[in-house]
Amino acid sequence: MSMIKEFKDFAMRGNVIDLAVAVVIGGAFGKIVTSFVADVLMPPIGLLLGGMNFTDLVITLKEAQGDVAAVTLRYGTFIQVIIDFLIIAFSIFLVIKAINASKKKEKPAAPPPPAPTKEEQLLTEIRDLLKK
Protein backbone atom coordinates (compact mmCIF):
# COMPACT_ATOMS: atom_id res chain seq x y z
CA MET A 1 0.00 0.00 0.00
CA SER A 2 2.87 2.40 0.67
CA MET A 3 4.06 2.15 -2.95
CA ILE A 4 0.67 3.41 -4.17
CA LYS A 5 0.86 6.30 -1.70
CA GLU A 6 4.38 7.15 -2.89
CA PHE A 7 3.23 7.11 -6.51
CA LYS A 8 0.24 9.31 -5.66
CA ASP A 9 2.54 11.79 -3.88
CA PHE A 10 4.89 11.76 -6.87
CA ALA A 11 2.12 12.19 -9.46
CA MET A 12 0.43 15.00 -7.56
CA ARG A 13 3.57 17.08 -7.12
CA GLY A 14 3.36 20.48 -8.70
CA ASN A 15 6.29 19.84 -11.06
CA VAL A 16 4.75 16.71 -12.58
CA ILE A 17 1.42 18.43 -13.18
CA ASP A 18 3.18 21.48 -14.65
CA LEU A 19 5.14 19.20 -16.97
CA ALA A 20 1.97 17.45 -18.11
CA VAL A 21 0.31 20.78 -18.88
CA ALA A 22 3.43 21.93 -20.75
CA VAL A 23 3.44 18.77 -22.89
CA VAL A 24 -0.22 19.22 -23.84
CA ILE A 25 0.23 22.91 -24.65
CA GLY A 26 3.46 22.13 -26.53
CA GLY A 27 1.66 19.54 -28.66
CA ALA A 28 -1.07 22.02 -29.53
CA PHE A 29 1.52 24.71 -30.27
CA GLY A 30 3.36 22.27 -32.53
CA LYS A 31 0.19 21.68 -34.53
CA ILE A 32 -0.32 25.43 -34.92
CA VAL A 33 3.24 25.90 -36.16
CA THR A 34 2.96 22.91 -38.51
CA SER A 35 -0.19 24.39 -40.01
CA PHE A 36 1.46 27.81 -40.28
CA VAL A 37 4.44 26.35 -42.11
CA ALA A 38 2.48 24.02 -44.38
CA ASP A 39 -0.48 26.30 -45.17
CA VAL A 40 0.89 29.85 -44.89
CA LEU A 41 4.67 29.89 -45.21
CA MET A 42 5.50 27.15 -47.71
CA PRO A 43 3.01 28.01 -50.52
CA PRO A 44 4.56 31.46 -51.17
CA ILE A 45 8.05 29.97 -50.96
CA GLY A 46 7.01 27.27 -53.42
CA LEU A 47 5.52 29.95 -55.68
CA LEU A 48 8.78 31.90 -55.60
CA LEU A 49 10.60 28.71 -56.57
CA GLY A 50 8.38 28.15 -59.61
CA GLY A 51 5.28 26.54 -58.15
CA MET A 52 7.19 23.82 -56.29
CA ASN A 53 5.47 21.95 -53.46
CA PHE A 54 8.08 20.75 -50.96
CA THR A 55 6.04 17.72 -49.92
CA ASP A 56 6.21 16.50 -53.54
CA LEU A 57 10.02 16.40 -53.50
CA VAL A 58 10.97 12.70 -53.48
CA ILE A 59 13.69 10.39 -54.70
CA THR A 60 12.32 7.08 -55.94
CA LEU A 61 14.55 4.20 -54.89
CA LYS A 62 12.37 1.45 -56.34
CA GLU A 63 9.41 1.82 -58.69
CA ALA A 64 6.02 0.42 -57.77
CA GLN A 65 5.43 -3.15 -58.98
CA GLY A 66 1.92 -4.49 -58.94
CA ASP A 67 0.48 -4.24 -55.44
CA VAL A 68 3.81 -3.21 -53.91
CA ALA A 69 4.13 0.55 -53.39
CA ALA A 70 7.16 2.48 -54.59
CA VAL A 71 10.04 2.97 -52.16
CA THR A 72 10.80 6.68 -51.91
CA LEU A 73 12.87 9.13 -49.89
CA ARG A 74 10.59 12.08 -49.14
CA TYR A 75 13.21 14.74 -48.52
CA GLY A 76 10.74 17.57 -49.20
CA THR A 77 8.71 16.56 -46.14
CA PHE A 78 11.96 16.45 -44.18
CA ILE A 79 12.77 20.02 -45.27
CA GLN A 80 9.33 21.14 -44.12
CA VAL A 81 9.77 19.43 -40.73
CA ILE A 82 13.14 21.18 -40.27
CA ILE A 83 11.46 24.53 -40.97
CA ASP A 84 8.74 23.62 -38.43
CA PHE A 85 11.40 22.86 -35.82
CA LEU A 86 13.29 26.09 -36.45
CA ILE A 87 10.11 28.18 -36.09
CA ILE A 88 9.11 26.36 -32.88
CA ALA A 89 12.61 26.70 -31.42
CA PHE A 90 12.74 30.42 -32.28
CA SER A 91 9.27 30.98 -30.78
CA ILE A 92 10.25 29.24 -27.55
CA PHE A 93 13.47 31.28 -27.46
CA LEU A 94 11.46 34.50 -27.71
CA VAL A 95 9.06 33.40 -24.95
CA ILE A 96 11.89 32.45 -22.59
CA LYS A 97 13.72 35.68 -23.39
CA ALA A 98 10.58 37.67 -22.51
CA ILE A 99 10.14 35.71 -19.26
CA ASN A 100 13.76 36.29 -18.27
CA ALA A 101 13.46 40.02 -19.08
CA SER A 102 10.36 40.32 -16.88
CA LYS A 103 12.13 38.52 -14.02
CA LYS A 104 15.00 40.99 -14.17
CA LYS A 105 12.59 43.93 -13.92
CA GLU A 106 10.77 42.44 -10.94
CA LYS A 107 13.96 41.87 -8.96
CA PRO A 108 13.56 43.73 -5.65
CA ALA A 109 16.19 46.17 -4.49
CA ALA A 110 18.72 44.85 -2.01
CA PRO A 111 17.71 45.49 1.59
CA PRO A 112 19.68 48.21 3.35
CA PRO A 113 22.53 46.97 5.51
CA PRO A 114 21.53 46.36 9.12
CA ALA A 115 22.14 49.13 11.61
CA PRO A 116 25.30 48.69 13.70
CA THR A 117 24.83 47.11 17.09
CA LYS A 118 25.40 49.02 20.31
CA GLU A 119 28.80 47.35 20.70
CA GLU A 120 29.84 48.44 17.20
CA GLN A 121 28.69 52.01 17.92
CA LEU A 122 30.64 52.06 21.16
CA LEU A 123 33.76 50.72 19.45
CA THR A 124 33.40 53.34 16.71
CA GLU A 125 33.18 56.11 19.33
CA ILE A 126 36.28 54.76 21.10
CA ARG A 127 38.16 54.63 17.79
CA ASP A 128 37.19 58.20 16.97
CA LEU A 129 38.28 59.39 20.44
CA LEU A 130 41.63 57.65 20.12
CA LYS A 131 42.23 59.31 16.73
CA LYS A 132 41.76 62.77 18.36
C-alpha atoms as a PDB file:
ATOM      1  CA  MET A   1       0.000   0.000   0.000  1.00  0.00           C
ATOM      2  CA  SER A   2       2.875   2.399   0.665  1.00  0.00           C
ATOM      3  CA  MET A   3       4.055   2.145  -2.947  1.00  0.00           C
ATOM      4  CA  ILE A   4       0.669   3.406  -4.168  1.00  0.00           C
ATOM      5  CA  LYS A   5       0.860   6.305  -1.704  1.00  0.00           C
ATOM      6  CA  GLU A   6       4.379   7.149  -2.889  1.00  0.00           C
ATOM      7  CA  PHE A   7       3.231   7.105  -6.510  1.00  0.00           C
ATOM      8  CA  LYS A   8       0.244   9.311  -5.664  1.00  0.00           C
ATOM      9  CA  ASP A   9       2.541  11.789  -3.878  1.00  0.00           C
ATOM     10  CA  PHE A  10       4.889  11.760  -6.873  1.00  0.00           C
ATOM     11  CA  ALA A  11       2.122  12.193  -9.456  1.00  0.00           C
ATOM     12  CA  MET A  12       0.431  15.002  -7.558  1.00  0.00           C
ATOM     13  CA  ARG A  13       3.571  17.076  -7.123  1.00  0.00           C
ATOM     14  CA  GLY A  14       3.359  20.485  -8.702  1.00  0.00           C
ATOM     15  CA  ASN A  15       6.293  19.838 -11.055  1.00  0.00           C
ATOM     16  CA  VAL A  16       4.745  16.708 -12.583  1.00  0.00           C
ATOM     17  CA  ILE A  17       1.425  18.429 -13.181  1.00  0.00           C
ATOM     18  CA  ASP A  18       3.180  21.484 -14.651  1.00  0.00           C
ATOM     19  CA  LEU A  19       5.139  19.197 -16.967  1.00  0.00           C
ATOM     20  CA  ALA A  20       1.968  17.449 -18.108  1.00  0.00           C
ATOM     21  CA  VAL A  21       0.310  20.782 -18.879  1.00  0.00           C
ATOM     22  CA  ALA A  22       3.425  21.929 -20.747  1.00  0.00           C
ATOM     23  CA  VAL A  23       3.437  18.768 -22.887  1.00  0.00           C
ATOM     24  CA  VAL A  24      -0.223  19.221 -23.836  1.00  0.00           C
ATOM     25  CA  ILE A  25       0.235  22.911 -24.653  1.00  0.00           C
ATOM     26  CA  GLY A  26       3.459  22.131 -26.528  1.00  0.00           C
ATOM     27  CA  GLY A  27       1.663  19.537 -28.657  1.00  0.00           C
ATOM     28  CA  ALA A  28      -1.065  22.023 -29.529  1.00  0.00           C
ATOM     29  CA  PHE A  29       1.524  24.715 -30.267  1.00  0.00           C
ATOM     30  CA  GLY A  30       3.364  22.268 -32.527  1.00  0.00           C
ATOM     31  CA  LYS A  31       0.189  21.676 -34.531  1.00  0.00           C
ATOM     32  CA  ILE A  32      -0.316  25.428 -34.918  1.00  0.00           C
ATOM     33  CA  VAL A  33       3.242  25.896 -36.163  1.00  0.00           C
ATOM     34  CA  THR A  34       2.961  22.907 -38.508  1.00  0.00           C
ATOM     35  CA  SER A  35      -0.186  24.386 -40.006  1.00  0.00           C
ATOM     36  CA  PHE A  36       1.459  27.807 -40.276  1.00  0.00           C
ATOM     37  CA  VAL A  37       4.439  26.354 -42.112  1.00  0.00           C
ATOM     38  CA  ALA A  38       2.477  24.019 -44.378  1.00  0.00           C
ATOM     39  CA  ASP A  39      -0.478  26.300 -45.165  1.00  0.00           C
ATOM     40  CA  VAL A  40       0.887  29.850 -44.893  1.00  0.00           C
ATOM     41  CA  LEU A  41       4.669  29.894 -45.211  1.00  0.00           C
ATOM     42  CA  MET A  42       5.495  27.149 -47.713  1.00  0.00           C
ATOM     43  CA  PRO A  43       3.012  28.010 -50.518  1.00  0.00           C
ATOM     44  CA  PRO A  44       4.563  31.465 -51.167  1.00  0.00           C
ATOM     45  CA  ILE A  45       8.050  29.966 -50.962  1.00  0.00           C
ATOM     46  CA  GLY A  46       7.013  27.271 -53.424  1.00  0.00           C
ATOM     47  CA  LEU A  47       5.521  29.952 -55.684  1.00  0.00           C
ATOM     48  CA  LEU A  48       8.775  31.897 -55.599  1.00  0.00           C
ATOM     49  CA  LEU A  49      10.600  28.707 -56.566  1.00  0.00           C
ATOM     50  CA  GLY A  50       8.383  28.151 -59.613  1.00  0.00           C
ATOM     51  CA  GLY A  51       5.278  26.540 -58.146  1.00  0.00           C
ATOM     52  CA  MET A  52       7.194  23.821 -56.290  1.00  0.00           C
ATOM     53  CA  ASN A  53       5.475  21.955 -53.463  1.00  0.00           C
ATOM     54  CA  PHE A  54       8.076  20.749 -50.962  1.00  0.00           C
ATOM     55  CA  THR A  55       6.036  17.721 -49.924  1.00  0.00           C
ATOM     56  CA  ASP A  56       6.214  16.503 -53.538  1.00  0.00           C
ATOM     57  CA  LEU A  57      10.025  16.396 -53.501  1.00  0.00           C
ATOM     58  CA  VAL A  58      10.968  12.701 -53.478  1.00  0.00           C
ATOM     59  CA  ILE A  59      13.689  10.394 -54.697  1.00  0.00           C
ATOM     60  CA  THR A  60      12.316   7.080 -55.941  1.00  0.00           C
ATOM     61  CA  LEU A  61      14.549   4.204 -54.894  1.00  0.00           C
ATOM     62  CA  LYS A  62      12.372   1.447 -56.338  1.00  0.00           C
ATOM     63  CA  GLU A  63       9.408   1.823 -58.691  1.00  0.00           C
ATOM     64  CA  ALA A  64       6.018   0.419 -57.767  1.00  0.00           C
ATOM     65  CA  GLN A  65       5.433  -3.151 -58.980  1.00  0.00           C
ATOM     66  CA  GLY A  66       1.920  -4.487 -58.936  1.00  0.00           C
ATOM     67  CA  ASP A  67       0.480  -4.238 -55.441  1.00  0.00           C
ATOM     68  CA  VAL A  68       3.810  -3.215 -53.911  1.00  0.00           C
ATOM     69  CA  ALA A  69       4.128   0.554 -53.392  1.00  0.00           C
ATOM     70  CA  ALA A  70       7.156   2.475 -54.586  1.00  0.00           C
ATOM     71  CA  VAL A  71      10.042   2.974 -52.162  1.00  0.00           C
ATOM     72  CA  THR A  72      10.801   6.685 -51.910  1.00  0.00           C
ATOM     73  CA  LEU A  73      12.868   9.131 -49.888  1.00  0.00           C
ATOM     74  CA  ARG A  74      10.587  12.078 -49.139  1.00  0.00           C
ATOM     75  CA  TYR A  75      13.215  14.743 -48.521  1.00  0.00           C
ATOM     76  CA  GLY A  76      10.737  17.570 -49.195  1.00  0.00           C
ATOM     77  CA  THR A  77       8.710  16.562 -46.142  1.00  0.00           C
ATOM     78  CA  PHE A  78      11.960  16.447 -44.179  1.00  0.00           C
ATOM     79  CA  ILE A  79      12.773  20.021 -45.266  1.00  0.00           C
ATOM     80  CA  GLN A  80       9.333  21.136 -44.120  1.00  0.00           C
ATOM     81  CA  VAL A  81       9.770  19.434 -40.725  1.00  0.00           C
ATOM     82  CA  ILE A  82      13.138  21.182 -40.274  1.00  0.00           C
ATOM     83  CA  ILE A  83      11.456  24.529 -40.967  1.00  0.00           C
ATOM     84  CA  ASP A  84       8.735  23.620 -38.426  1.00  0.00           C
ATOM     85  CA  PHE A  85      11.400  22.863 -35.824  1.00  0.00           C
ATOM     86  CA  LEU A  86      13.289  26.095 -36.448  1.00  0.00           C
ATOM     87  CA  ILE A  87      10.113  28.175 -36.092  1.00  0.00           C
ATOM     88  CA  ILE A  88       9.113  26.361 -32.880  1.00  0.00           C
ATOM     89  CA  ALA A  89      12.614  26.704 -31.421  1.00  0.00           C
ATOM     90  CA  PHE A  90      12.740  30.421 -32.276  1.00  0.00           C
ATOM     91  CA  SER A  91       9.269  30.981 -30.779  1.00  0.00           C
ATOM     92  CA  ILE A  92      10.249  29.245 -27.547  1.00  0.00           C
ATOM     93  CA  PHE A  93      13.473  31.280 -27.462  1.00  0.00           C
ATOM     94  CA  LEU A  94      11.456  34.499 -27.707  1.00  0.00           C
ATOM     95  CA  VAL A  95       9.056  33.404 -24.953  1.00  0.00           C
ATOM     96  CA  ILE A  96      11.894  32.446 -22.594  1.00  0.00           C
ATOM     97  CA  LYS A  97      13.723  35.678 -23.389  1.00  0.00           C
ATOM     98  CA  ALA A  98      10.578  37.668 -22.507  1.00  0.00           C
ATOM     99  CA  ILE A  99      10.135  35.708 -19.258  1.00  0.00           C
ATOM    100  CA  ASN A 100      13.760  36.294 -18.266  1.00  0.00           C
ATOM    101  CA  ALA A 101      13.457  40.018 -19.078  1.00  0.00           C
ATOM    102  CA  SER A 102      10.357  40.317 -16.880  1.00  0.00           C
ATOM    103  CA  LYS A 103      12.126  38.519 -14.023  1.00  0.00           C
ATOM    104  CA  LYS A 104      15.004  40.991 -14.175  1.00  0.00           C
ATOM    105  CA  LYS A 105      12.589  43.928 -13.923  1.00  0.00           C
ATOM    106  CA  GLU A 106      10.765  42.439 -10.944  1.00  0.00           C
ATOM    107  CA  LYS A 107      13.956  41.866  -8.956  1.00  0.00           C
ATOM    108  CA  PRO A 108      13.562  43.731  -5.647  1.00  0.00           C
ATOM    109  CA  ALA A 109      16.193  46.165  -4.490  1.00  0.00           C
ATOM    110  CA  ALA A 110      18.716  44.855  -2.013  1.00  0.00           C
ATOM    111  CA  PRO A 111      17.705  45.494   1.594  1.00  0.00           C
ATOM    112  CA  PRO A 112      19.683  48.207   3.349  1.00  0.00           C
ATOM    113  CA  PRO A 113      22.525  46.966   5.513  1.00  0.00           C
ATOM    114  CA  PRO A 114      21.529  46.358   9.123  1.00  0.00           C
ATOM    115  CA  ALA A 115      22.143  49.131  11.613  1.00  0.00           C
ATOM    116  CA  PRO A 116      25.296  48.687  13.697  1.00  0.00           C
ATOM    117  CA  THR A 117      24.830  47.108  17.087  1.00  0.00           C
ATOM    118  CA  LYS A 118      25.403  49.019  20.310  1.00  0.00           C
ATOM    119  CA  GLU A 119      28.796  47.350  20.695  1.00  0.00           C
ATOM    120  CA  GLU A 120      29.837  48.442  17.197  1.00  0.00           C
ATOM    121  CA  GLN A 121      28.687  52.008  17.915  1.00  0.00           C
ATOM    122  CA  LEU A 122      30.641  52.061  21.164  1.00  0.00           C
ATOM    123  CA  LEU A 123      33.757  50.716  19.454  1.00  0.00           C
ATOM    124  CA  THR A 124      33.399  53.342  16.713  1.00  0.00           C
ATOM    125  CA  GLU A 125      33.185  56.106  19.330  1.00  0.00           C
ATOM    126  CA  ILE A 126      36.284  54.760  21.104  1.00  0.00           C
ATOM    127  CA  ARG A 127      38.164  54.625  17.794  1.00  0.00           C
ATOM    128  CA  ASP A 128      37.192  58.200  16.970  1.00  0.00           C
ATOM    129  CA  LEU A 129      38.284  59.394  20.439  1.00  0.00           C
ATOM    130  CA  LEU A 130      41.625  57.646  20.119  1.00  0.00           C
ATOM    131  CA  LYS A 131      42.228  59.313  16.732  1.00  0.00           C
ATOM    132  CA  LYS A 132      41.761  62.775  18.356  1.00  0.00           C
END
